Amino acid sequence: MPTLEQVCKRLFSDSTWFVKCVAGALLLAVPVAHFFAFGYLYALVDRARRGESLELPEWEDWRRLFSNGVIAFVIFLALGVVPLIAGWLLTWPFRWLPIDLGVLVYLPLAPAIMAAAPLTAAGIYQYQKREQYRDALRAYVLVLMLASSKGRFLIPSFAFVGLIVTLSPLMTFTLFVGLAASLTFFAAFFRAVEESRKAAPRFP
């Protein structure tokens, strides 16, 4: 099974990785142009799903980046942002309690924060098989994909959140780097799980 460390070493081994990530960060910060950045992330998931090289690709084929970026962004909204909004809304009842719960108020947000990146990766991964949104949004399939990791997605998710919080002044750069690393890792992991199941002996 791939590890986050292995994936990051491959992604950021190229001497041009910083320039490529800066380009992604700049695009991510601009409305409409952010679709190009998500198209790039879509390509990273696709490369990992196919078992291709995990190096950061060149910024090219802009028309494809834009069209795929719209798809990836829709999936990101549905599986990443919407659960975060739902979790945020669930914190409001705790705010009206007569006692001060401190940071515990945000406890309902924790599952959404931890699952946002792996769910988004799983959704894009499934979409790419037949290019249908319904495949990306099949809840039971996505839950099974996360369950197949047996909790291994927790550490990469912690690392992703920690990167965003620690380097928050460089928000779009850290967000792009974090998404690139985490989505690629999860896609590579899901592929490894699928390959191991295909190779497992079957008994009559």
N, C-alpha and C. Protein backbone atom coordinates (compact mmCIF):
# COMPACT_ATOMS: atom_id res chain seq x y z
N MET A 1 0.84 -1.19 0.00
CA MET A 1 0.00 0.00 0.00
C MET A 1 0.88 1.26 0.00
N PRO A 2 0.51 2.25 -0.78
CA PRO A 2 1.30 3.49 -0.79
C PRO A 2 1.13 4.25 0.52
N THR A 3 2.13 5.02 0.86
CA THR A 3 2.06 5.89 2.03
C THR A 3 2.06 7.34 1.56
N LEU A 4 1.63 8.22 2.45
CA LEU A 4 1.62 9.65 2.11
C LEU A 4 3.04 10.13 1.83
N GLU A 5 3.99 9.64 2.59
CA GLU A 5 5.39 10.05 2.40
C GLU A 5 5.90 9.65 1.02
N GLN A 6 5.59 8.43 0.58
CA GLN A 6 6.01 7.98 -0.73
C GLN A 6 5.40 8.82 -1.84
N VAL A 7 4.12 9.10 -1.72
CA VAL A 7 3.42 9.90 -2.74
C VAL A 7 4.00 11.31 -2.81
N CYS A 8 4.24 11.92 -1.66
CA CYS A 8 4.79 13.28 -1.63
C CYS A 8 6.19 13.32 -2.24
N LYS A 9 7.00 12.30 -1.97
CA LYS A 9 8.35 12.26 -2.54
C LYS A 9 8.29 12.22 -4.06
N ARG A 10 7.34 11.46 -4.61
CA ARG A 10 7.22 11.37 -6.06
C ARG A 10 6.67 12.67 -6.65
N LEU A 11 5.65 13.23 -5.99
CA LEU A 11 5.03 14.45 -6.51
C LEU A 11 6.00 15.62 -6.53
N PHE A 12 6.78 15.75 -5.45
CA PHE A 12 7.59 16.95 -5.27
C PHE A 12 9.08 16.69 -5.49
N SER A 13 9.40 15.61 -6.22
CA SER A 13 10.80 15.33 -6.53
C SER A 13 11.29 16.16 -7.71
N ASP A 14 10.37 16.58 -8.55
CA ASP A 14 10.72 17.39 -9.71
C ASP A 14 11.17 18.79 -9.26
N SER A 15 12.22 19.30 -9.87
CA SER A 15 12.74 20.62 -9.50
C SER A 15 11.77 21.75 -9.81
N THR A 16 10.76 21.46 -10.66
CA THR A 16 9.81 22.51 -11.05
C THR A 16 8.52 22.45 -10.25
N TRP A 17 8.48 21.61 -9.19
CA TRP A 17 7.22 21.43 -8.47
C TRP A 17 6.73 22.73 -7.85
N PHE A 18 7.66 23.55 -7.36
CA PHE A 18 7.25 24.78 -6.69
C PHE A 18 6.57 25.73 -7.68
N VAL A 19 7.14 25.87 -8.86
CA VAL A 19 6.57 26.75 -9.88
C VAL A 19 5.19 26.25 -10.30
N LYS A 20 5.05 24.94 -10.46
CA LYS A 20 3.77 24.36 -10.85
C LYS A 20 2.71 24.59 -9.78
N CYS A 21 3.12 24.48 -8.52
CA CYS A 21 2.18 24.69 -7.42
C CYS A 21 1.82 26.16 -7.25
N VAL A 22 2.78 27.05 -7.50
CA VAL A 22 2.48 28.48 -7.45
C VAL A 22 1.45 28.83 -8.52
N ALA A 23 1.60 28.24 -9.72
CA ALA A 23 0.63 28.46 -10.79
C ALA A 23 -0.75 27.99 -10.35
N GLY A 24 -0.80 26.82 -9.74
CA GLY A 24 -2.08 26.31 -9.25
C GLY A 24 -2.68 27.19 -8.17
N ALA A 25 -1.82 27.70 -7.28
CA ALA A 25 -2.30 28.56 -6.19
C ALA A 25 -2.87 29.86 -6.74
N LEU A 26 -2.21 30.44 -7.73
CA LEU A 26 -2.69 31.70 -8.32
C LEU A 26 -4.02 31.49 -9.03
N LEU A 27 -4.14 30.39 -9.75
CA LEU A 27 -5.40 30.10 -10.44
C LEU A 27 -6.51 29.82 -9.44
N LEU A 28 -6.16 29.15 -8.35
CA LEU A 28 -7.15 28.80 -7.33
C LEU A 28 -7.73 30.04 -6.67
N ALA A 29 -6.97 31.12 -6.65
CA ALA A 29 -7.41 32.34 -5.97
C ALA A 29 -8.32 33.21 -6.83
N VAL A 30 -8.45 32.88 -8.11
CA VAL A 30 -9.21 33.72 -9.04
C VAL A 30 -10.50 33.01 -9.45
N PRO A 31 -11.66 33.64 -9.23
CA PRO A 31 -12.92 33.02 -9.65
C PRO A 31 -12.90 32.68 -11.14
N VAL A 32 -13.50 31.59 -11.51
CA VAL A 32 -13.54 31.02 -12.86
C VAL A 32 -12.19 30.38 -13.23
N ALA A 33 -11.09 31.10 -13.00
CA ALA A 33 -9.78 30.52 -13.27
C ALA A 33 -9.51 29.33 -12.35
N HIS A 34 -10.21 29.30 -11.21
CA HIS A 34 -9.99 28.19 -10.28
C HIS A 34 -10.39 26.85 -10.89
N PHE A 35 -11.21 26.87 -11.95
CA PHE A 35 -11.56 25.62 -12.61
C PHE A 35 -10.33 24.96 -13.24
N PHE A 36 -9.39 25.77 -13.71
CA PHE A 36 -8.16 25.21 -14.27
C PHE A 36 -7.38 24.47 -13.19
N ALA A 37 -7.34 25.05 -11.98
CA ALA A 37 -6.63 24.41 -10.87
C ALA A 37 -7.29 23.08 -10.51
N PHE A 38 -8.62 23.07 -10.48
CA PHE A 38 -9.31 21.82 -10.17
C PHE A 38 -9.16 20.81 -11.30
N GLY A 39 -9.02 21.29 -12.53
CA GLY A 39 -8.75 20.38 -13.65
C GLY A 39 -7.40 19.70 -13.50
N TYR A 40 -6.45 20.43 -12.96
CA TYR A 40 -5.13 19.88 -12.70
C TYR A 40 -5.21 18.81 -11.61
N LEU A 41 -5.98 19.08 -10.57
CA LEU A 41 -6.19 18.10 -9.51
C LEU A 41 -6.91 16.86 -10.04
N TYR A 42 -7.86 17.08 -10.93
CA TYR A 42 -8.58 15.98 -11.58
C TYR A 42 -7.59 15.09 -12.33
N ALA A 43 -6.63 15.72 -13.02
CA ALA A 43 -5.62 14.97 -13.77
C ALA A 43 -4.73 14.15 -12.83
N LEU A 44 -4.41 14.70 -11.66
CA LEU A 44 -3.58 13.98 -10.69
C LEU A 44 -4.30 12.71 -10.21
N VAL A 45 -5.59 12.84 -9.92
CA VAL A 45 -6.37 11.67 -9.50
C VAL A 45 -6.40 10.64 -10.61
N ASP A 46 -6.59 11.09 -11.84
CA ASP A 46 -6.66 10.19 -12.98
C ASP A 46 -5.36 9.43 -13.18
N ARG A 47 -4.23 10.13 -13.04
CA ARG A 47 -2.93 9.48 -13.19
C ARG A 47 -2.72 8.41 -12.11
N ALA A 48 -3.10 8.74 -10.89
CA ALA A 48 -2.96 7.77 -9.80
C ALA A 48 -3.90 6.59 -9.99
N ARG A 49 -5.10 6.86 -10.45
CA ARG A 49 -6.09 5.78 -10.67
C ARG A 49 -5.62 4.81 -11.74
N ARG A 50 -4.93 5.33 -12.74
CA ARG A 50 -4.44 4.49 -13.84
C ARG A 50 -3.10 3.83 -13.53
N GLY A 51 -2.50 4.20 -12.41
CA GLY A 51 -1.22 3.64 -12.06
C GLY A 51 -0.07 4.27 -12.81
N GLU A 52 -0.26 5.48 -13.32
CA GLU A 52 0.78 6.18 -14.06
C GLU A 52 1.72 6.91 -13.10
N SER A 53 2.73 7.57 -13.65
CA SER A 53 3.70 8.29 -12.84
C SER A 53 3.00 9.35 -11.98
N LEU A 54 3.45 9.46 -10.74
CA LEU A 54 2.81 10.40 -9.82
C LEU A 54 3.50 11.76 -9.79
N GLU A 55 4.33 12.04 -10.77
CA GLU A 55 4.96 13.35 -10.85
C GLU A 55 3.93 14.40 -11.26
N LEU A 56 4.18 15.63 -10.85
CA LEU A 56 3.28 16.72 -11.24
C LEU A 56 3.38 16.94 -12.75
N PRO A 57 2.26 16.89 -13.48
CA PRO A 57 2.31 17.08 -14.93
C PRO A 57 2.52 18.55 -15.30
N GLU A 58 2.76 18.78 -16.56
CA GLU A 58 2.90 20.15 -17.05
C GLU A 58 1.52 20.80 -17.12
N TRP A 59 1.50 22.11 -17.06
CA TRP A 59 0.26 22.85 -17.26
C TRP A 59 0.05 22.99 -18.77
N GLU A 60 -0.85 22.18 -19.32
CA GLU A 60 -1.11 22.19 -20.75
C GLU A 60 -2.53 21.69 -21.02
N ASP A 61 -2.94 21.76 -22.27
CA ASP A 61 -4.29 21.36 -22.66
C ASP A 61 -5.32 22.08 -21.79
N TRP A 62 -5.33 23.39 -21.89
CA TRP A 62 -6.14 24.23 -21.00
C TRP A 62 -7.64 23.99 -21.16
N ARG A 63 -8.06 23.65 -22.36
CA ARG A 63 -9.49 23.39 -22.56
C ARG A 63 -9.93 22.18 -21.75
N ARG A 64 -9.13 21.13 -21.77
CA ARG A 64 -9.44 19.93 -20.99
C ARG A 64 -9.36 20.23 -19.48
N LEU A 65 -8.37 21.01 -19.09
CA LEU A 65 -8.25 21.37 -17.67
C LEU A 65 -9.51 22.08 -17.19
N PHE A 66 -10.02 22.99 -18.01
CA PHE A 66 -11.21 23.75 -17.60
C PHE A 66 -12.43 22.84 -17.49
N SER A 67 -12.68 22.03 -18.52
CA SER A 67 -13.88 21.17 -18.50
C SER A 67 -13.82 20.14 -17.37
N ASN A 68 -12.65 19.52 -17.19
CA ASN A 68 -12.51 18.57 -16.09
C ASN A 68 -12.53 19.27 -14.73
N GLY A 69 -12.07 20.52 -14.72
CA GLY A 69 -12.07 21.29 -13.49
C GLY A 69 -13.47 21.60 -13.00
N VAL A 70 -14.38 21.85 -13.92
CA VAL A 70 -15.78 22.08 -13.53
C VAL A 70 -16.34 20.83 -12.86
N ILE A 71 -16.04 19.68 -13.45
CA ILE A 71 -16.51 18.41 -12.88
C ILE A 71 -15.94 18.18 -11.48
N ALA A 72 -14.61 18.37 -11.37
CA ALA A 72 -13.96 18.15 -10.07
C ALA A 72 -14.48 19.12 -9.02
N PHE A 73 -14.75 20.35 -9.43
CA PHE A 73 -15.23 21.35 -8.48
C PHE A 73 -16.64 21.01 -7.99
N VAL A 74 -17.50 20.53 -8.89
CA VAL A 74 -18.85 20.13 -8.51
C VAL A 74 -18.79 18.99 -7.49
N ILE A 75 -17.94 18.02 -7.75
CA ILE A 75 -17.78 16.89 -6.82
C ILE A 75 -17.21 17.37 -5.50
N PHE A 76 -16.24 18.30 -5.56
CA PHE A 76 -15.66 18.87 -4.35
C PHE A 76 -16.72 19.59 -3.51
N LEU A 77 -17.60 20.33 -4.17
CA LEU A 77 -18.68 21.01 -3.45
C LEU A 77 -19.61 20.01 -2.79
N ALA A 78 -19.99 18.97 -3.54
CA ALA A 78 -20.97 18.01 -3.04
C ALA A 78 -20.42 17.16 -1.90
N LEU A 79 -19.17 16.74 -2.02
CA LEU A 79 -18.62 15.79 -1.05
C LEU A 79 -17.67 16.40 -0.04
N GLY A 80 -17.19 17.61 -0.33
CA GLY A 80 -16.28 18.27 0.59
C GLY A 80 -16.89 19.46 1.31
N VAL A 81 -17.50 20.36 0.54
CA VAL A 81 -18.01 21.60 1.12
C VAL A 81 -19.36 21.41 1.80
N VAL A 82 -20.28 20.71 1.15
CA VAL A 82 -21.62 20.53 1.73
C VAL A 82 -21.56 19.84 3.09
N PRO A 83 -20.78 18.75 3.26
CA PRO A 83 -20.68 18.16 4.61
C PRO A 83 -20.09 19.13 5.64
N LEU A 84 -19.16 19.99 5.20
CA LEU A 84 -18.59 20.98 6.12
C LEU A 84 -19.66 21.99 6.55
N ILE A 85 -20.49 22.42 5.61
CA ILE A 85 -21.57 23.35 5.94
C ILE A 85 -22.56 22.68 6.89
N ALA A 86 -22.88 21.42 6.62
CA ALA A 86 -23.81 20.69 7.49
C ALA A 86 -23.23 20.56 8.90
N GLY A 87 -21.95 20.27 8.98
CA GLY A 87 -21.30 20.18 10.29
C GLY A 87 -21.31 21.51 11.02
N TRP A 88 -21.08 22.59 10.27
CA TRP A 88 -21.10 23.93 10.87
C TRP A 88 -22.48 24.26 11.42
N LEU A 89 -23.52 23.91 10.67
CA LEU A 89 -24.88 24.17 11.13
C LEU A 89 -25.20 23.38 12.40
N LEU A 90 -24.63 22.19 12.51
CA LEU A 90 -24.88 21.36 13.70
C LEU A 90 -24.20 21.92 14.95
N THR A 91 -23.28 22.86 14.76
CA THR A 91 -22.63 23.46 15.93
C THR A 91 -23.52 24.51 16.59
N TRP A 92 -24.49 25.02 15.87
CA TRP A 92 -25.30 26.11 16.41
C TRP A 92 -26.08 25.75 17.66
N PRO A 93 -26.69 24.56 17.76
CA PRO A 93 -27.40 24.24 19.02
C PRO A 93 -26.49 24.30 20.23
N PHE A 94 -25.21 23.93 20.06
CA PHE A 94 -24.27 23.95 21.19
C PHE A 94 -23.94 25.38 21.61
N ARG A 95 -24.08 26.32 20.69
CA ARG A 95 -23.78 27.72 21.00
C ARG A 95 -24.82 28.33 21.94
N TRP A 96 -26.03 27.74 21.96
CA TRP A 96 -27.11 28.30 22.77
C TRP A 96 -27.20 27.66 24.15
N LEU A 97 -26.33 26.70 24.40
CA LEU A 97 -26.35 26.06 25.72
C LEU A 97 -25.90 27.06 26.80
N PRO A 98 -26.42 26.92 28.01
CA PRO A 98 -26.07 27.87 29.09
C PRO A 98 -24.63 27.74 29.58
N ILE A 99 -23.94 26.68 29.18
CA ILE A 99 -22.54 26.52 29.61
C ILE A 99 -21.61 26.73 28.42
N ASP A 100 -20.41 27.19 28.71
CA ASP A 100 -19.42 27.43 27.67
C ASP A 100 -18.64 26.14 27.39
N LEU A 101 -18.80 25.61 26.20
CA LEU A 101 -18.14 24.35 25.84
C LEU A 101 -16.78 24.57 25.19
N GLY A 102 -16.44 25.81 24.93
CA GLY A 102 -15.15 26.09 24.31
C GLY A 102 -15.05 25.49 22.91
N VAL A 103 -13.92 24.86 22.63
CA VAL A 103 -13.71 24.28 21.30
C VAL A 103 -14.59 23.07 21.05
N LEU A 104 -15.19 22.50 22.10
CA LEU A 104 -16.08 21.35 21.93
C LEU A 104 -17.31 21.71 21.10
N VAL A 105 -17.59 23.00 21.01
CA VAL A 105 -18.71 23.45 20.19
C VAL A 105 -18.55 22.97 18.75
N TYR A 106 -17.29 22.88 18.31
CA TYR A 106 -17.02 22.54 16.91
C TYR A 106 -16.87 21.04 16.68
N LEU A 107 -17.20 20.24 17.68
CA LEU A 107 -17.08 18.79 17.56
C LEU A 107 -17.85 18.21 16.37
N PRO A 108 -19.09 18.69 16.08
CA PRO A 108 -19.80 18.14 14.92
C PRO A 108 -19.09 18.37 13.59
N LEU A 109 -18.14 19.30 13.56
CA LEU A 109 -17.39 19.57 12.33
C LEU A 109 -16.30 18.54 12.08
N ALA A 110 -15.86 17.87 13.13
CA ALA A 110 -14.70 16.98 13.03
C ALA A 110 -14.85 15.89 11.96
N PRO A 111 -15.98 15.14 11.94
CA PRO A 111 -16.09 14.09 10.91
C PRO A 111 -16.04 14.65 9.49
N ALA A 112 -16.68 15.80 9.27
CA ALA A 112 -16.69 16.40 7.93
C ALA A 112 -15.29 16.85 7.53
N ILE A 113 -14.55 17.43 8.47
CA ILE A 113 -13.19 17.89 8.19
C ILE A 113 -12.29 16.71 7.82
N MET A 114 -12.40 15.61 8.57
CA MET A 114 -11.55 14.46 8.35
C MET A 114 -11.90 13.72 7.06
N ALA A 115 -13.18 13.76 6.67
CA ALA A 115 -13.62 12.99 5.50
C ALA A 115 -13.66 13.79 4.21
N ALA A 116 -13.49 15.11 4.28
CA ALA A 116 -13.65 15.96 3.09
C ALA A 116 -12.72 15.54 1.95
N ALA A 117 -11.43 15.42 2.22
CA ALA A 117 -10.47 15.10 1.16
C ALA A 117 -10.63 13.67 0.65
N PRO A 118 -10.70 12.64 1.52
CA PRO A 118 -10.88 11.29 0.99
C PRO A 118 -12.20 11.09 0.26
N LEU A 119 -13.27 11.74 0.72
CA LEU A 119 -14.56 11.63 0.02
C LEU A 119 -14.48 12.27 -1.36
N THR A 120 -13.83 13.44 -1.45
CA THR A 120 -13.68 14.11 -2.74
C THR A 120 -12.87 13.24 -3.69
N ALA A 121 -11.77 12.68 -3.20
CA ALA A 121 -10.93 11.81 -4.02
C ALA A 121 -11.71 10.58 -4.49
N ALA A 122 -12.49 9.99 -3.57
CA ALA A 122 -13.29 8.82 -3.92
C ALA A 122 -14.34 9.16 -4.97
N GLY A 123 -14.96 10.33 -4.83
CA GLY A 123 -15.97 10.74 -5.78
C GLY A 123 -15.39 10.96 -7.17
N ILE A 124 -14.27 11.65 -7.26
CA ILE A 124 -13.62 11.88 -8.56
C ILE A 124 -13.15 10.55 -9.14
N TYR A 125 -12.61 9.70 -8.30
CA TYR A 125 -12.13 8.38 -8.71
C TYR A 125 -13.25 7.58 -9.36
N GLN A 126 -14.41 7.56 -8.72
CA GLN A 126 -15.54 6.82 -9.26
C GLN A 126 -16.10 7.47 -10.52
N TYR A 127 -16.13 8.79 -10.55
CA TYR A 127 -16.63 9.49 -11.73
C TYR A 127 -15.80 9.14 -12.97
N GLN A 128 -14.50 9.07 -12.80
CA GLN A 128 -13.60 8.86 -13.94
C GLN A 128 -13.77 7.50 -14.61
N LYS A 129 -14.38 6.56 -13.93
CA LYS A 129 -14.56 5.24 -14.52
C LYS A 129 -15.55 5.26 -15.68
N ARG A 130 -16.65 5.98 -15.51
CA ARG A 130 -17.66 6.03 -16.58
C ARG A 130 -18.09 7.46 -16.91
N GLU A 131 -17.47 8.42 -16.22
CA GLU A 131 -17.76 9.84 -16.42
C GLU A 131 -19.24 10.15 -16.22
N GLN A 132 -19.76 9.67 -15.09
CA GLN A 132 -21.15 9.93 -14.72
C GLN A 132 -21.20 10.41 -13.28
N TYR A 133 -21.95 11.49 -13.07
CA TYR A 133 -22.03 12.07 -11.72
C TYR A 133 -22.65 11.11 -10.73
N ARG A 134 -23.60 10.29 -11.18
CA ARG A 134 -24.26 9.38 -10.24
C ARG A 134 -23.27 8.39 -9.63
N ASP A 135 -22.24 8.04 -10.39
CA ASP A 135 -21.21 7.15 -9.85
C ASP A 135 -20.41 7.85 -8.75
N ALA A 136 -20.20 9.15 -8.93
CA ALA A 136 -19.42 9.92 -7.96
C ALA A 136 -20.18 10.15 -6.67
N LEU A 137 -21.50 10.05 -6.71
CA LEU A 137 -22.32 10.41 -5.55
C LEU A 137 -23.04 9.22 -4.92
N ARG A 138 -22.63 8.01 -5.26
CA ARG A 138 -23.23 6.84 -4.64
C ARG A 138 -22.67 6.67 -3.23
N ALA A 139 -23.47 7.04 -2.26
CA ALA A 139 -22.99 7.12 -0.88
C ALA A 139 -22.44 5.80 -0.38
N TYR A 140 -23.14 4.70 -0.67
CA TYR A 140 -22.70 3.41 -0.11
C TYR A 140 -21.36 2.98 -0.69
N VAL A 141 -21.11 3.32 -1.97
CA VAL A 141 -19.82 2.99 -2.59
C VAL A 141 -18.71 3.82 -1.95
N LEU A 142 -18.98 5.10 -1.74
CA LEU A 142 -17.98 5.98 -1.14
C LEU A 142 -17.66 5.55 0.29
N VAL A 143 -18.69 5.17 1.04
CA VAL A 143 -18.47 4.70 2.42
C VAL A 143 -17.63 3.43 2.42
N LEU A 144 -17.90 2.52 1.48
CA LEU A 144 -17.12 1.29 1.38
C LEU A 144 -15.66 1.59 1.03
N MET A 145 -15.45 2.58 0.18
CA MET A 145 -14.09 2.95 -0.19
C MET A 145 -13.32 3.49 1.02
N LEU A 146 -13.98 4.32 1.81
CA LEU A 146 -13.33 4.83 3.02
C LEU A 146 -13.11 3.71 4.03
N ALA A 147 -14.09 2.81 4.13
CA ALA A 147 -13.96 1.69 5.07
C ALA A 147 -12.82 0.77 4.67
N SER A 148 -12.55 0.67 3.36
CA SER A 148 -11.47 -0.20 2.88
C SER A 148 -10.11 0.26 3.36
N SER A 149 -10.02 1.55 3.72
CA SER A 149 -8.73 2.08 4.19
C SER A 149 -8.45 1.67 5.63
N LYS A 150 -9.48 1.16 6.33
CA LYS A 150 -9.35 0.74 7.73
C LYS A 150 -8.71 1.83 8.60
N GLY A 151 -9.16 3.05 8.38
CA GLY A 151 -8.70 4.17 9.20
C GLY A 151 -7.41 4.80 8.74
N ARG A 152 -6.81 4.27 7.65
CA ARG A 152 -5.53 4.81 7.20
C ARG A 152 -5.66 6.23 6.63
N PHE A 153 -6.88 6.66 6.32
CA PHE A 153 -7.05 8.01 5.78
C PHE A 153 -6.96 9.07 6.87
N LEU A 154 -6.98 8.66 8.14
CA LEU A 154 -6.99 9.63 9.23
C LEU A 154 -5.68 10.44 9.29
N ILE A 155 -4.54 9.76 9.22
CA ILE A 155 -3.26 10.47 9.31
C ILE A 155 -3.07 11.44 8.14
N PRO A 156 -3.30 11.01 6.89
CA PRO A 156 -3.21 11.98 5.78
C PRO A 156 -4.18 13.15 5.94
N SER A 157 -5.37 12.88 6.47
CA SER A 157 -6.33 13.96 6.68
C SER A 157 -5.84 14.92 7.76
N PHE A 158 -5.28 14.39 8.84
CA PHE A 158 -4.69 15.23 9.88
C PHE A 158 -3.57 16.08 9.30
N ALA A 159 -2.73 15.47 8.46
CA ALA A 159 -1.62 16.18 7.84
C ALA A 159 -2.13 17.31 6.95
N PHE A 160 -3.19 17.05 6.20
CA PHE A 160 -3.78 18.05 5.31
C PHE A 160 -4.31 19.23 6.11
N VAL A 161 -5.09 18.93 7.15
CA VAL A 161 -5.64 19.99 7.99
C VAL A 161 -4.53 20.76 8.70
N GLY A 162 -3.53 20.04 9.19
CA GLY A 162 -2.41 20.69 9.87
C GLY A 162 -1.65 21.62 8.96
N LEU A 163 -1.47 21.21 7.70
CA LEU A 163 -0.78 22.07 6.73
C LEU A 163 -1.55 23.36 6.50
N ILE A 164 -2.86 23.23 6.34
CA ILE A 164 -3.70 24.41 6.10
C ILE A 164 -3.66 25.36 7.29
N VAL A 165 -3.77 24.81 8.50
CA VAL A 165 -3.81 25.65 9.70
C VAL A 165 -2.45 26.29 9.95
N THR A 166 -1.38 25.51 9.82
CA THR A 166 -0.04 26.02 10.13
C THR A 166 0.40 27.11 9.17
N LEU A 167 0.10 26.93 7.89
CA LEU A 167 0.54 27.90 6.87
C LEU A 167 -0.63 28.67 6.30
N SER A 168 -1.57 29.02 7.17
CA SER A 168 -2.78 29.74 6.72
C SER A 168 -2.51 31.07 6.03
N PRO A 169 -1.43 31.81 6.35
CA PRO A 169 -1.17 33.05 5.61
C PRO A 169 -0.93 32.81 4.12
N LEU A 170 -0.49 31.60 3.76
CA LEU A 170 -0.27 31.25 2.35
C LEU A 170 -1.41 30.35 1.88
N MET A 171 -2.64 30.75 2.18
CA MET A 171 -3.79 29.88 2.07
C MET A 171 -3.93 29.17 0.73
N THR A 172 -3.96 29.89 -0.39
CA THR A 172 -4.21 29.22 -1.66
C THR A 172 -3.06 28.29 -2.04
N PHE A 173 -1.83 28.66 -1.68
CA PHE A 173 -0.69 27.79 -1.98
C PHE A 173 -0.76 26.51 -1.17
N THR A 174 -0.98 26.64 0.13
CA THR A 174 -1.05 25.45 0.98
C THR A 174 -2.27 24.60 0.64
N LEU A 175 -3.38 25.26 0.27
CA LEU A 175 -4.58 24.51 -0.10
C LEU A 175 -4.33 23.70 -1.37
N PHE A 176 -3.67 24.31 -2.35
CA PHE A 176 -3.41 23.60 -3.60
C PHE A 176 -2.43 22.44 -3.36
N VAL A 177 -1.35 22.70 -2.63
CA VAL A 177 -0.37 21.66 -2.34
C VAL A 177 -1.01 20.53 -1.53
N GLY A 178 -1.82 20.91 -0.52
CA GLY A 178 -2.48 19.91 0.31
C GLY A 178 -3.46 19.06 -0.48
N LEU A 179 -4.24 19.70 -1.35
CA LEU A 179 -5.18 18.95 -2.18
C LEU A 179 -4.46 18.05 -3.17
N ALA A 180 -3.39 18.57 -3.77
CA ALA A 180 -2.62 17.77 -4.73
C ALA A 180 -2.07 16.51 -4.07
N ALA A 181 -1.48 16.67 -2.89
CA ALA A 181 -0.88 15.53 -2.20
C ALA A 181 -1.94 14.56 -1.68
N SER A 182 -2.98 15.09 -1.03
CA SER A 182 -3.97 14.21 -0.41
C SER A 182 -4.83 13.49 -1.45
N LEU A 183 -5.29 14.21 -2.48
CA LEU A 183 -6.12 13.56 -3.50
C LEU A 183 -5.33 12.50 -4.26
N THR A 184 -4.07 12.79 -4.56
CA THR A 184 -3.23 11.81 -5.24
C THR A 184 -3.01 10.59 -4.37
N PHE A 185 -2.73 10.83 -3.09
CA PHE A 185 -2.52 9.70 -2.17
C PHE A 185 -3.76 8.82 -2.09
N PHE A 186 -4.91 9.42 -1.88
CA PHE A 186 -6.13 8.63 -1.73
C PHE A 186 -6.45 7.86 -3.01
N ALA A 187 -6.25 8.50 -4.16
CA ALA A 187 -6.50 7.80 -5.43
C ALA A 187 -5.55 6.62 -5.59
N ALA A 188 -4.28 6.81 -5.27
CA ALA A 188 -3.30 5.73 -5.34
C ALA A 188 -3.65 4.62 -4.36
N PHE A 189 -4.15 5.00 -3.20
CA PHE A 189 -4.53 4.01 -2.19
C PHE A 189 -5.73 3.20 -2.67
N PHE A 190 -6.75 3.87 -3.22
CA PHE A 190 -7.94 3.17 -3.70
C PHE A 190 -7.56 2.20 -4.83
N ARG A 191 -6.64 2.62 -5.69
CA ARG A 191 -6.18 1.74 -6.76
C ARG A 191 -5.49 0.50 -6.17
N ALA A 192 -4.65 0.72 -5.16
CA ALA A 192 -3.93 -0.40 -4.54
C ALA A 192 -4.91 -1.40 -3.92
N VAL A 193 -5.98 -0.88 -3.30
CA VAL A 193 -7.00 -1.76 -2.72
C VAL A 193 -7.67 -2.58 -3.81
N GLU A 194 -8.03 -1.92 -4.93
CA GLU A 194 -8.67 -2.63 -6.04
C GLU A 194 -7.76 -3.70 -6.61
N GLU A 195 -6.48 -3.36 -6.79
CA GLU A 195 -5.52 -4.31 -7.36
C GLU A 195 -5.31 -5.50 -6.43
N SER A 196 -5.27 -5.25 -5.12
CA SER A 196 -5.07 -6.35 -4.17
C SER A 196 -6.27 -7.29 -4.17
N ARG A 197 -7.46 -6.74 -4.38
CA ARG A 197 -8.65 -7.59 -4.41
C ARG A 197 -8.68 -8.43 -5.68
N LYS A 198 -8.20 -7.85 -6.78
CA LYS A 198 -8.15 -8.61 -8.04
C LYS A 198 -7.15 -9.76 -7.94
N ALA A 199 -6.07 -9.52 -7.21
CA ALA A 199 -5.01 -10.52 -7.10
C ALA A 199 -5.29 -11.58 -6.04
N ALA A 200 -6.27 -11.31 -5.17
CA ALA A 200 -6.56 -12.26 -4.10
C ALA A 200 -7.13 -13.55 -4.66
N PRO A 201 -6.72 -14.69 -4.13
CA PRO A 201 -7.24 -15.98 -4.62
C PRO A 201 -8.74 -16.13 -4.34
N ARG A 202 -9.42 -16.70 -5.29
CA ARG A 202 -10.86 -16.91 -5.13
C ARG A 202 -11.13 -18.42 -4.99
N PHE A 203 -12.02 -18.71 -4.06
CA PHE A 203 -12.33 -20.11 -3.79
C PHE A 203 -13.75 -20.40 -4.25
N PRO A 204 -13.99 -21.58 -4.76
CA PRO A 204 -15.34 -21.93 -5.23
C PRO A 204 -16.33 -22.02 -4.08
